[in-house]
């Protein structure tokens, strides 16, 4: 899907997968001691462990492809980017876990149904599932390039939103 409009969709897609690859590489590095220990125990134990690690990685990356697809699907096919000319198109940015990112910036995240409230000091942001509007301290602030969405138990928002969370 990112190939359909490389100018606006490819960079964010590459950024998403580069970050996933870096996380996977760090995980593999952490597991090397265990892999070595399992193989020292026996070839069977080593192979079983490596197979379980491989299956878990494949499952995680399949979930990641679903996360990315949902964001790309909206950006590529809804009115924002389905124009023949480049006027009014948005550049796709990778999806990020809303809760994880907000908490890393010191925000308290509260979830009530489909409403997500992020609070830090005097600033309160409100976002809703399947909506693009961002509200700060009760006032409409901006629209995201694609709506907030949920895959499994994780809520995602465009990485561009993170610029608000300071």
N, C-alpha and C. Protein backbone atom coordinates (compact mmCIF):
# COMPACT_ATOMS: atom_id res chain seq x y z
N UNK A 1 0.82 -1.18 0.00
CA UNK A 1 0.00 0.00 0.00
C UNK A 1 0.87 1.26 0.00
N UNK A 2 1.98 1.23 0.71
CA UNK A 2 2.86 2.40 0.76
C UNK A 2 3.43 2.70 -0.62
N UNK A 3 3.55 1.67 -1.47
CA UNK A 3 4.07 1.86 -2.82
C UNK A 3 3.11 2.66 -3.69
N UNK A 4 1.84 2.69 -3.31
CA UNK A 4 0.85 3.39 -4.14
C UNK A 4 1.08 4.89 -4.19
N UNK A 5 1.77 5.43 -3.20
CA UNK A 5 2.06 6.86 -3.17
C UNK A 5 3.35 7.06 -2.38
N UNK A 6 4.45 6.69 -2.99
CA UNK A 6 5.74 6.70 -2.29
C UNK A 6 6.09 8.05 -1.66
N UNK A 7 5.78 9.11 -2.34
CA UNK A 7 6.14 10.44 -1.86
C UNK A 7 5.54 10.73 -0.49
N UNK A 8 4.32 10.27 -0.23
CA UNK A 8 3.63 10.60 1.01
C UNK A 8 3.53 9.45 2.00
N UNK A 9 3.70 8.23 1.54
CA UNK A 9 3.48 7.08 2.43
C UNK A 9 4.74 6.30 2.80
N UNK A 10 5.75 6.31 1.96
CA UNK A 10 6.91 5.42 2.17
C UNK A 10 7.76 5.77 3.38
N UNK A 11 8.03 7.05 3.61
CA UNK A 11 8.94 7.42 4.71
C UNK A 11 8.43 6.93 6.06
N UNK A 12 7.16 7.17 6.34
CA UNK A 12 6.58 6.73 7.61
C UNK A 12 6.57 5.22 7.75
N UNK A 13 6.34 4.53 6.63
CA UNK A 13 6.35 3.06 6.63
C UNK A 13 7.75 2.54 6.94
N UNK A 14 8.74 3.10 6.28
CA UNK A 14 10.13 2.69 6.52
C UNK A 14 10.54 2.99 7.97
N UNK A 15 10.12 4.13 8.47
CA UNK A 15 10.43 4.51 9.85
C UNK A 15 9.83 3.49 10.83
N UNK A 16 8.57 3.12 10.59
CA UNK A 16 7.90 2.13 11.44
C UNK A 16 8.69 0.82 11.46
N UNK A 17 9.00 0.28 10.28
CA UNK A 17 9.69 -1.02 10.22
C UNK A 17 11.12 -0.93 10.73
N UNK A 18 11.80 0.19 10.52
CA UNK A 18 13.16 0.35 11.06
C UNK A 18 13.15 0.28 12.58
N UNK A 19 12.17 0.91 13.18
CA UNK A 19 12.06 0.87 14.65
C UNK A 19 11.71 -0.54 15.14
N UNK A 20 10.85 -1.23 14.43
CA UNK A 20 10.51 -2.60 14.82
C UNK A 20 11.73 -3.51 14.70
N UNK A 21 12.50 -3.33 13.64
CA UNK A 21 13.71 -4.13 13.44
C UNK A 21 14.72 -3.86 14.54
N UNK A 22 14.89 -2.60 14.92
CA UNK A 22 15.83 -2.26 15.99
C UNK A 22 15.40 -2.90 17.31
N UNK A 23 14.09 -2.87 17.60
CA UNK A 23 13.59 -3.50 18.83
C UNK A 23 13.84 -5.01 18.80
N UNK A 24 13.60 -5.62 17.65
CA UNK A 24 13.81 -7.06 17.51
C UNK A 24 15.28 -7.41 17.68
N UNK A 25 16.18 -6.61 17.12
CA UNK A 25 17.62 -6.86 17.25
C UNK A 25 18.06 -6.77 18.71
N UNK A 26 17.53 -5.81 19.45
CA UNK A 26 17.85 -5.70 20.88
C UNK A 26 17.36 -6.93 21.65
N UNK A 27 16.18 -7.39 21.30
CA UNK A 27 15.63 -8.57 21.96
C UNK A 27 16.50 -9.80 21.68
N UNK A 28 16.94 -9.95 20.44
CA UNK A 28 17.80 -11.08 20.08
C UNK A 28 19.11 -11.03 20.86
N UNK A 29 19.69 -9.85 20.97
CA UNK A 29 20.94 -9.70 21.74
C UNK A 29 20.75 -10.14 23.19
N UNK A 30 19.61 -9.77 23.77
CA UNK A 30 19.33 -10.15 25.16
C UNK A 30 19.14 -11.65 25.31
N UNK A 31 18.71 -12.32 24.26
CA UNK A 31 18.42 -13.75 24.33
C UNK A 31 19.62 -14.65 24.01
N UNK A 32 20.72 -14.07 23.55
CA UNK A 32 21.87 -14.88 23.13
C UNK A 32 22.43 -15.76 24.24
N UNK A 33 22.52 -15.24 25.46
CA UNK A 33 23.04 -16.05 26.57
C UNK A 33 22.15 -17.26 26.82
N UNK A 34 20.86 -17.05 26.76
CA UNK A 34 19.92 -18.17 26.98
C UNK A 34 20.03 -19.18 25.85
N UNK A 35 20.14 -18.71 24.62
CA UNK A 35 20.29 -19.61 23.47
C UNK A 35 21.54 -20.47 23.65
N UNK A 36 22.65 -19.83 24.01
CA UNK A 36 23.91 -20.56 24.20
C UNK A 36 23.77 -21.59 25.32
N UNK A 37 23.14 -21.20 26.41
CA UNK A 37 22.96 -22.13 27.54
C UNK A 37 22.08 -23.31 27.14
N UNK A 38 21.04 -23.05 26.39
CA UNK A 38 20.14 -24.14 25.97
C UNK A 38 20.87 -25.11 25.05
N UNK A 39 21.68 -24.58 24.12
CA UNK A 39 22.42 -25.47 23.21
C UNK A 39 23.50 -26.24 23.95
N UNK A 40 24.08 -25.64 24.99
CA UNK A 40 25.07 -26.38 25.78
C UNK A 40 24.40 -27.55 26.50
N UNK A 41 23.17 -27.33 26.90
CA UNK A 41 22.41 -28.38 27.57
C UNK A 41 22.15 -29.52 26.60
N UNK A 42 21.62 -29.19 25.43
CA UNK A 42 21.41 -30.19 24.37
C UNK A 42 20.97 -29.49 23.09
N UNK A 43 21.22 -30.17 21.99
CA UNK A 43 20.81 -29.63 20.70
C UNK A 43 19.28 -29.51 20.65
N UNK A 44 18.60 -30.48 21.21
CA UNK A 44 17.13 -30.48 21.23
C UNK A 44 16.59 -29.28 22.02
N UNK A 45 17.18 -29.04 23.20
CA UNK A 45 16.74 -27.90 24.02
C UNK A 45 17.01 -26.58 23.31
N UNK A 46 18.16 -26.48 22.67
CA UNK A 46 18.51 -25.27 21.93
C UNK A 46 17.55 -25.01 20.78
N UNK A 47 17.29 -26.05 20.02
CA UNK A 47 16.37 -25.90 18.88
C UNK A 47 14.96 -25.55 19.35
N UNK A 48 14.51 -26.17 20.42
CA UNK A 48 13.17 -25.89 20.94
C UNK A 48 13.06 -24.43 21.38
N UNK A 49 14.10 -23.95 22.07
CA UNK A 49 14.08 -22.56 22.54
C UNK A 49 14.10 -21.58 21.36
N UNK A 50 14.99 -21.81 20.42
CA UNK A 50 15.09 -20.92 19.26
C UNK A 50 13.78 -20.94 18.46
N UNK A 51 13.16 -22.09 18.34
CA UNK A 51 11.87 -22.17 17.64
C UNK A 51 10.80 -21.37 18.36
N UNK A 52 10.77 -21.46 19.69
CA UNK A 52 9.76 -20.69 20.44
C UNK A 52 10.00 -19.19 20.31
N UNK A 53 11.27 -18.78 20.31
CA UNK A 53 11.61 -17.37 20.13
C UNK A 53 11.19 -16.91 18.73
N UNK A 54 11.45 -17.73 17.74
CA UNK A 54 11.08 -17.40 16.36
C UNK A 54 9.58 -17.28 16.18
N UNK A 55 8.83 -18.18 16.79
CA UNK A 55 7.36 -18.12 16.70
C UNK A 55 6.83 -16.86 17.36
N UNK A 56 7.38 -16.52 18.52
CA UNK A 56 6.94 -15.30 19.22
C UNK A 56 7.25 -14.06 18.39
N UNK A 57 8.42 -14.04 17.77
CA UNK A 57 8.81 -12.89 16.93
C UNK A 57 7.89 -12.78 15.72
N UNK A 58 7.57 -13.91 15.10
CA UNK A 58 6.68 -13.90 13.94
C UNK A 58 5.29 -13.40 14.32
N UNK A 59 4.79 -13.84 15.46
CA UNK A 59 3.48 -13.40 15.94
C UNK A 59 3.48 -11.88 16.18
N UNK A 60 4.55 -11.39 16.81
CA UNK A 60 4.65 -9.96 17.10
C UNK A 60 4.70 -9.15 15.80
N UNK A 61 5.49 -9.60 14.84
CA UNK A 61 5.61 -8.85 13.59
C UNK A 61 4.33 -8.92 12.76
N UNK A 62 3.59 -10.01 12.86
CA UNK A 62 2.30 -10.08 12.18
C UNK A 62 1.35 -9.06 12.80
N UNK A 63 1.36 -8.94 14.11
CA UNK A 63 0.56 -7.91 14.78
C UNK A 63 1.02 -6.52 14.34
N UNK A 64 2.32 -6.31 14.23
CA UNK A 64 2.85 -5.02 13.78
C UNK A 64 2.38 -4.70 12.37
N UNK A 65 2.30 -5.70 11.51
CA UNK A 65 1.83 -5.44 10.15
C UNK A 65 0.36 -5.03 10.17
N UNK A 66 -0.43 -5.59 11.09
CA UNK A 66 -1.83 -5.19 11.23
C UNK A 66 -1.91 -3.74 11.70
N UNK A 67 -1.08 -3.38 12.67
CA UNK A 67 -1.04 -2.01 13.19
C UNK A 67 -0.72 -1.03 12.05
N UNK A 68 0.31 -1.33 11.29
CA UNK A 68 0.72 -0.46 10.20
C UNK A 68 -0.35 -0.40 9.11
N UNK A 69 -0.90 -1.53 8.75
CA UNK A 69 -1.92 -1.58 7.70
C UNK A 69 -3.11 -0.69 8.04
N UNK A 70 -3.57 -0.76 9.29
CA UNK A 70 -4.74 0.03 9.68
C UNK A 70 -4.47 1.53 9.49
N UNK A 71 -3.27 1.98 9.84
CA UNK A 71 -2.93 3.39 9.68
C UNK A 71 -2.78 3.75 8.21
N UNK A 72 -2.09 2.91 7.46
CA UNK A 72 -1.89 3.16 6.03
C UNK A 72 -3.22 3.13 5.27
N UNK A 73 -4.07 2.20 5.63
CA UNK A 73 -5.36 2.07 4.94
C UNK A 73 -6.13 3.38 4.98
N UNK A 74 -6.20 3.98 6.14
CA UNK A 74 -6.91 5.24 6.26
C UNK A 74 -6.21 6.33 5.45
N UNK A 75 -4.92 6.49 5.66
CA UNK A 75 -4.17 7.57 5.02
C UNK A 75 -4.20 7.46 3.50
N UNK A 76 -4.13 6.24 2.98
CA UNK A 76 -4.06 6.04 1.54
C UNK A 76 -5.42 6.10 0.86
N UNK A 77 -6.48 5.75 1.56
CA UNK A 77 -7.76 5.57 0.86
C UNK A 77 -8.86 6.55 1.21
N UNK A 78 -8.76 7.26 2.31
CA UNK A 78 -9.80 8.21 2.64
C UNK A 78 -9.52 9.54 1.95
N UNK A 79 -10.36 10.51 2.12
CA UNK A 79 -10.28 11.75 1.36
C UNK A 79 -8.98 12.52 1.52
N UNK A 80 -8.21 12.25 2.56
CA UNK A 80 -6.97 13.00 2.75
C UNK A 80 -5.98 12.77 1.62
N UNK A 81 -5.86 11.55 1.16
CA UNK A 81 -4.80 11.24 0.20
C UNK A 81 -5.27 10.53 -1.07
N UNK A 82 -6.55 10.54 -1.35
CA UNK A 82 -7.00 9.83 -2.55
C UNK A 82 -7.14 10.77 -3.74
N UNK A 83 -6.38 11.85 -3.76
CA UNK A 83 -6.44 12.83 -4.84
C UNK A 83 -5.39 12.52 -5.90
N UNK A 84 -5.66 12.93 -7.10
CA UNK A 84 -4.68 12.75 -8.18
C UNK A 84 -3.51 13.70 -8.05
N UNK A 85 -3.78 14.92 -7.57
CA UNK A 85 -2.69 15.88 -7.39
C UNK A 85 -2.19 15.78 -5.94
N UNK A 86 -1.06 16.40 -5.68
CA UNK A 86 -0.48 16.34 -4.33
C UNK A 86 -1.09 17.38 -3.38
N UNK A 87 -1.89 18.30 -3.91
CA UNK A 87 -2.45 19.36 -3.07
C UNK A 87 -3.35 18.77 -1.98
N UNK A 88 -3.05 19.14 -0.73
CA UNK A 88 -3.86 18.70 0.40
C UNK A 88 -3.51 17.33 0.95
N UNK A 89 -2.55 16.65 0.34
CA UNK A 89 -2.17 15.33 0.85
C UNK A 89 -1.36 15.48 2.13
N UNK A 90 -1.41 14.46 2.96
CA UNK A 90 -0.62 14.45 4.18
C UNK A 90 0.48 13.40 4.07
N UNK A 91 1.59 13.63 4.75
CA UNK A 91 2.68 12.66 4.77
C UNK A 91 2.43 11.70 5.93
N UNK A 92 2.41 10.44 5.62
CA UNK A 92 2.15 9.40 6.61
C UNK A 92 3.24 9.36 7.65
N UNK A 93 2.85 9.27 8.93
CA UNK A 93 3.81 9.05 10.01
C UNK A 93 3.46 7.75 10.71
N UNK A 94 4.46 7.10 11.23
CA UNK A 94 4.28 5.79 11.85
C UNK A 94 3.31 5.86 13.03
N UNK A 95 2.59 4.78 13.27
CA UNK A 95 1.75 4.72 14.47
C UNK A 95 2.59 4.44 15.71
N UNK A 96 2.19 5.05 16.84
CA UNK A 96 2.86 4.80 18.11
C UNK A 96 1.79 4.43 19.15
N UNK A 97 2.19 3.66 20.14
CA UNK A 97 1.29 3.34 21.24
C UNK A 97 1.02 4.62 22.01
N UNK A 98 -0.23 5.04 22.03
CA UNK A 98 -0.60 6.29 22.68
C UNK A 98 -0.24 6.28 24.16
N UNK A 99 -0.59 5.21 24.85
CA UNK A 99 -0.35 5.13 26.30
C UNK A 99 1.15 5.10 26.62
N UNK A 100 1.88 4.24 25.93
CA UNK A 100 3.31 4.11 26.19
C UNK A 100 4.03 5.43 25.96
N UNK A 101 3.73 6.09 24.84
CA UNK A 101 4.42 7.34 24.54
C UNK A 101 4.03 8.43 25.53
N UNK A 102 2.74 8.56 25.80
CA UNK A 102 2.28 9.61 26.73
C UNK A 102 2.90 9.41 28.11
N UNK A 103 2.92 8.18 28.60
CA UNK A 103 3.49 7.92 29.92
C UNK A 103 5.00 8.20 29.94
N UNK A 104 5.68 7.95 28.82
CA UNK A 104 7.12 8.23 28.78
C UNK A 104 7.40 9.73 28.86
N UNK A 105 6.40 10.55 28.53
CA UNK A 105 6.53 12.00 28.62
C UNK A 105 5.94 12.55 29.92
N UNK A 106 5.56 11.65 30.83
CA UNK A 106 5.07 12.07 32.14
C UNK A 106 3.58 12.31 32.23
N UNK A 107 2.82 11.93 31.22
CA UNK A 107 1.38 12.12 31.25
C UNK A 107 0.70 10.94 31.93
N UNK A 108 -0.35 11.24 32.67
CA UNK A 108 -1.20 10.19 33.25
C UNK A 108 -2.28 9.92 32.20
N UNK A 109 -2.48 8.65 31.88
CA UNK A 109 -3.45 8.28 30.85
C UNK A 109 -4.65 7.61 31.51
N UNK A 110 -5.83 8.14 31.21
CA UNK A 110 -7.08 7.58 31.72
C UNK A 110 -7.94 7.17 30.54
N UNK A 111 -8.51 5.97 30.63
CA UNK A 111 -9.36 5.47 29.56
C UNK A 111 -10.76 5.26 30.11
N UNK A 112 -11.74 5.86 29.44
CA UNK A 112 -13.15 5.66 29.77
C UNK A 112 -13.85 5.34 28.47
N UNK A 113 -14.16 4.05 28.27
CA UNK A 113 -14.78 3.64 27.02
C UNK A 113 -13.86 3.92 25.85
N UNK A 114 -14.33 4.75 24.91
CA UNK A 114 -13.53 5.11 23.73
C UNK A 114 -12.86 6.48 23.86
N UNK A 115 -12.80 6.98 25.07
CA UNK A 115 -12.22 8.31 25.33
C UNK A 115 -10.90 8.15 26.07
N UNK A 116 -9.86 8.82 25.57
CA UNK A 116 -8.52 8.75 26.16
C UNK A 116 -8.13 10.14 26.65
N UNK A 117 -7.87 10.26 27.95
CA UNK A 117 -7.48 11.53 28.54
C UNK A 117 -6.03 11.44 28.98
N UNK A 118 -5.23 12.41 28.55
CA UNK A 118 -3.81 12.47 28.89
C UNK A 118 -3.61 13.76 29.69
N UNK A 119 -3.14 13.62 30.93
CA UNK A 119 -3.03 14.79 31.80
C UNK A 119 -1.62 14.90 32.37
N UNK A 120 -1.11 16.13 32.33
CA UNK A 120 0.20 16.43 32.93
C UNK A 120 0.18 17.91 33.32
N UNK A 121 0.32 18.16 34.59
CA UNK A 121 0.28 19.54 35.06
C UNK A 121 -1.04 20.20 34.70
N UNK A 122 -0.97 21.35 34.07
CA UNK A 122 -2.20 22.06 33.69
C UNK A 122 -2.73 21.65 32.31
N UNK A 123 -2.03 20.78 31.61
CA UNK A 123 -2.46 20.37 30.28
C UNK A 123 -3.22 19.05 30.29
N UNK A 124 -4.36 19.05 29.62
CA UNK A 124 -5.17 17.85 29.46
C UNK A 124 -5.53 17.70 27.99
N UNK A 125 -5.16 16.57 27.41
CA UNK A 125 -5.51 16.25 26.03
C UNK A 125 -6.59 15.19 26.04
N UNK A 126 -7.55 15.31 25.13
CA UNK A 126 -8.61 14.31 24.99
C UNK A 126 -8.66 13.86 23.55
N UNK A 127 -8.62 12.54 23.37
CA UNK A 127 -8.75 11.93 22.05
C UNK A 127 -9.80 10.83 22.16
N UNK A 128 -10.40 10.48 21.04
CA UNK A 128 -11.40 9.42 21.02
C UNK A 128 -11.05 8.40 19.96
N UNK A 129 -11.37 7.15 20.26
CA UNK A 129 -11.14 6.07 19.31
C UNK A 129 -11.90 6.36 18.02
N UNK A 130 -11.27 6.10 16.90
CA UNK A 130 -11.83 6.28 15.56
C UNK A 130 -12.10 7.74 15.21
N UNK A 131 -11.47 8.67 15.92
CA UNK A 131 -11.64 10.10 15.64
C UNK A 131 -10.28 10.75 15.45
N UNK A 132 -10.25 11.81 14.65
CA UNK A 132 -9.01 12.53 14.36
C UNK A 132 -8.81 13.78 15.21
N UNK A 133 -9.86 14.29 15.82
CA UNK A 133 -9.79 15.55 16.55
C UNK A 133 -8.98 15.44 17.84
N UNK A 134 -8.18 16.47 18.10
CA UNK A 134 -7.40 16.58 19.33
C UNK A 134 -7.93 17.79 20.10
N UNK A 135 -8.21 17.58 21.38
CA UNK A 135 -8.66 18.66 22.24
C UNK A 135 -7.63 18.86 23.35
N UNK A 136 -7.26 20.11 23.58
CA UNK A 136 -6.32 20.45 24.65
C UNK A 136 -7.03 21.43 25.57
N UNK A 137 -7.11 21.05 26.84
CA UNK A 137 -7.76 21.87 27.86
C UNK A 137 -9.17 22.30 27.43
N UNK A 138 -9.89 21.36 26.82
CA UNK A 138 -11.28 21.58 26.44
C UNK A 138 -11.50 22.28 25.11
N UNK A 139 -10.43 22.72 24.47
CA UNK A 139 -10.53 23.44 23.19
C UNK A 139 -10.03 22.56 22.05
N UNK A 140 -10.74 22.61 20.92
CA UNK A 140 -10.27 21.91 19.73
C UNK A 140 -8.91 22.47 19.35
N UNK A 141 -7.95 21.58 19.09
CA UNK A 141 -6.59 22.01 18.77
C UNK A 141 -6.24 21.74 17.32
N UNK A 142 -6.50 20.50 16.87
CA UNK A 142 -6.05 20.10 15.55
C UNK A 142 -6.67 18.76 15.19
N UNK A 143 -6.48 18.35 13.94
CA UNK A 143 -6.84 17.00 13.51
C UNK A 143 -5.57 16.21 13.26
N UNK A 144 -5.61 14.94 13.64
CA UNK A 144 -4.52 14.02 13.36
C UNK A 144 -4.59 13.64 11.89
N UNK A 145 -3.50 13.08 11.34
CA UNK A 145 -3.52 12.69 9.93
C UNK A 145 -4.32 11.42 9.70
N UNK A 146 -4.52 10.63 10.74
CA UNK A 146 -5.47 9.51 10.70
C UNK A 146 -6.02 9.32 12.10
N UNK A 147 -7.18 8.69 12.20
CA UNK A 147 -7.82 8.57 13.52
C UNK A 147 -7.04 7.69 14.50
N UNK A 148 -7.28 7.93 15.77
CA UNK A 148 -6.79 7.05 16.82
C UNK A 148 -7.49 5.71 16.60
N UNK A 149 -6.79 4.61 16.78
CA UNK A 149 -7.41 3.30 16.57
C UNK A 149 -6.81 2.28 17.53
N UNK A 150 -7.49 1.17 17.64
CA UNK A 150 -7.11 0.14 18.59
C UNK A 150 -6.87 -1.18 17.85
N UNK A 151 -5.76 -1.84 18.17
CA UNK A 151 -5.48 -3.20 17.69
C UNK A 151 -5.22 -4.03 18.93
N UNK A 152 -6.06 -5.02 19.17
CA UNK A 152 -5.96 -5.78 20.40
C UNK A 152 -6.28 -4.86 21.56
N UNK A 153 -5.38 -4.79 22.53
CA UNK A 153 -5.60 -3.93 23.69
C UNK A 153 -4.81 -2.63 23.62
N UNK A 154 -4.09 -2.41 22.52
CA UNK A 154 -3.24 -1.24 22.39
C UNK A 154 -3.90 -0.18 21.52
N UNK A 155 -3.82 1.07 21.96
CA UNK A 155 -4.37 2.21 21.23
C UNK A 155 -3.22 2.91 20.52
N UNK A 156 -3.43 3.22 19.25
CA UNK A 156 -2.38 3.85 18.44
C UNK A 156 -2.81 5.22 17.94
N UNK A 157 -1.82 6.09 17.78
CA UNK A 157 -2.02 7.42 17.21
C UNK A 157 -0.83 7.72 16.30
N UNK A 158 -1.00 8.66 15.37
CA UNK A 158 0.13 9.01 14.50
C UNK A 158 1.28 9.60 15.32
N UNK A 159 2.50 9.26 14.94
CA UNK A 159 3.67 9.76 15.66
C UNK A 159 3.69 11.29 15.68
N UNK A 160 3.11 11.94 14.69
CA UNK A 160 3.08 13.39 14.65
C UNK A 160 2.38 13.99 15.85
N UNK A 161 1.44 13.27 16.44
CA UNK A 161 0.71 13.75 17.62
C UNK A 161 1.66 13.95 18.80
N UNK A 162 2.71 13.17 18.83
CA UNK A 162 3.61 13.22 19.98
C UNK A 162 4.28 14.58 20.13
N UNK A 163 4.28 15.40 19.09
CA UNK A 163 4.84 16.74 19.19
C UNK A 163 4.09 17.62 20.19
N UNK A 164 2.83 17.30 20.44
CA UNK A 164 2.04 18.06 21.42
C UNK A 164 2.44 17.71 22.85
N UNK A 165 2.94 16.52 23.06
CA UNK A 165 3.20 16.02 24.42
C UNK A 165 4.59 16.41 24.88
N UNK A 166 4.69 17.54 25.51
CA UNK A 166 6.00 18.03 25.96
C UNK A 166 6.03 18.13 27.45
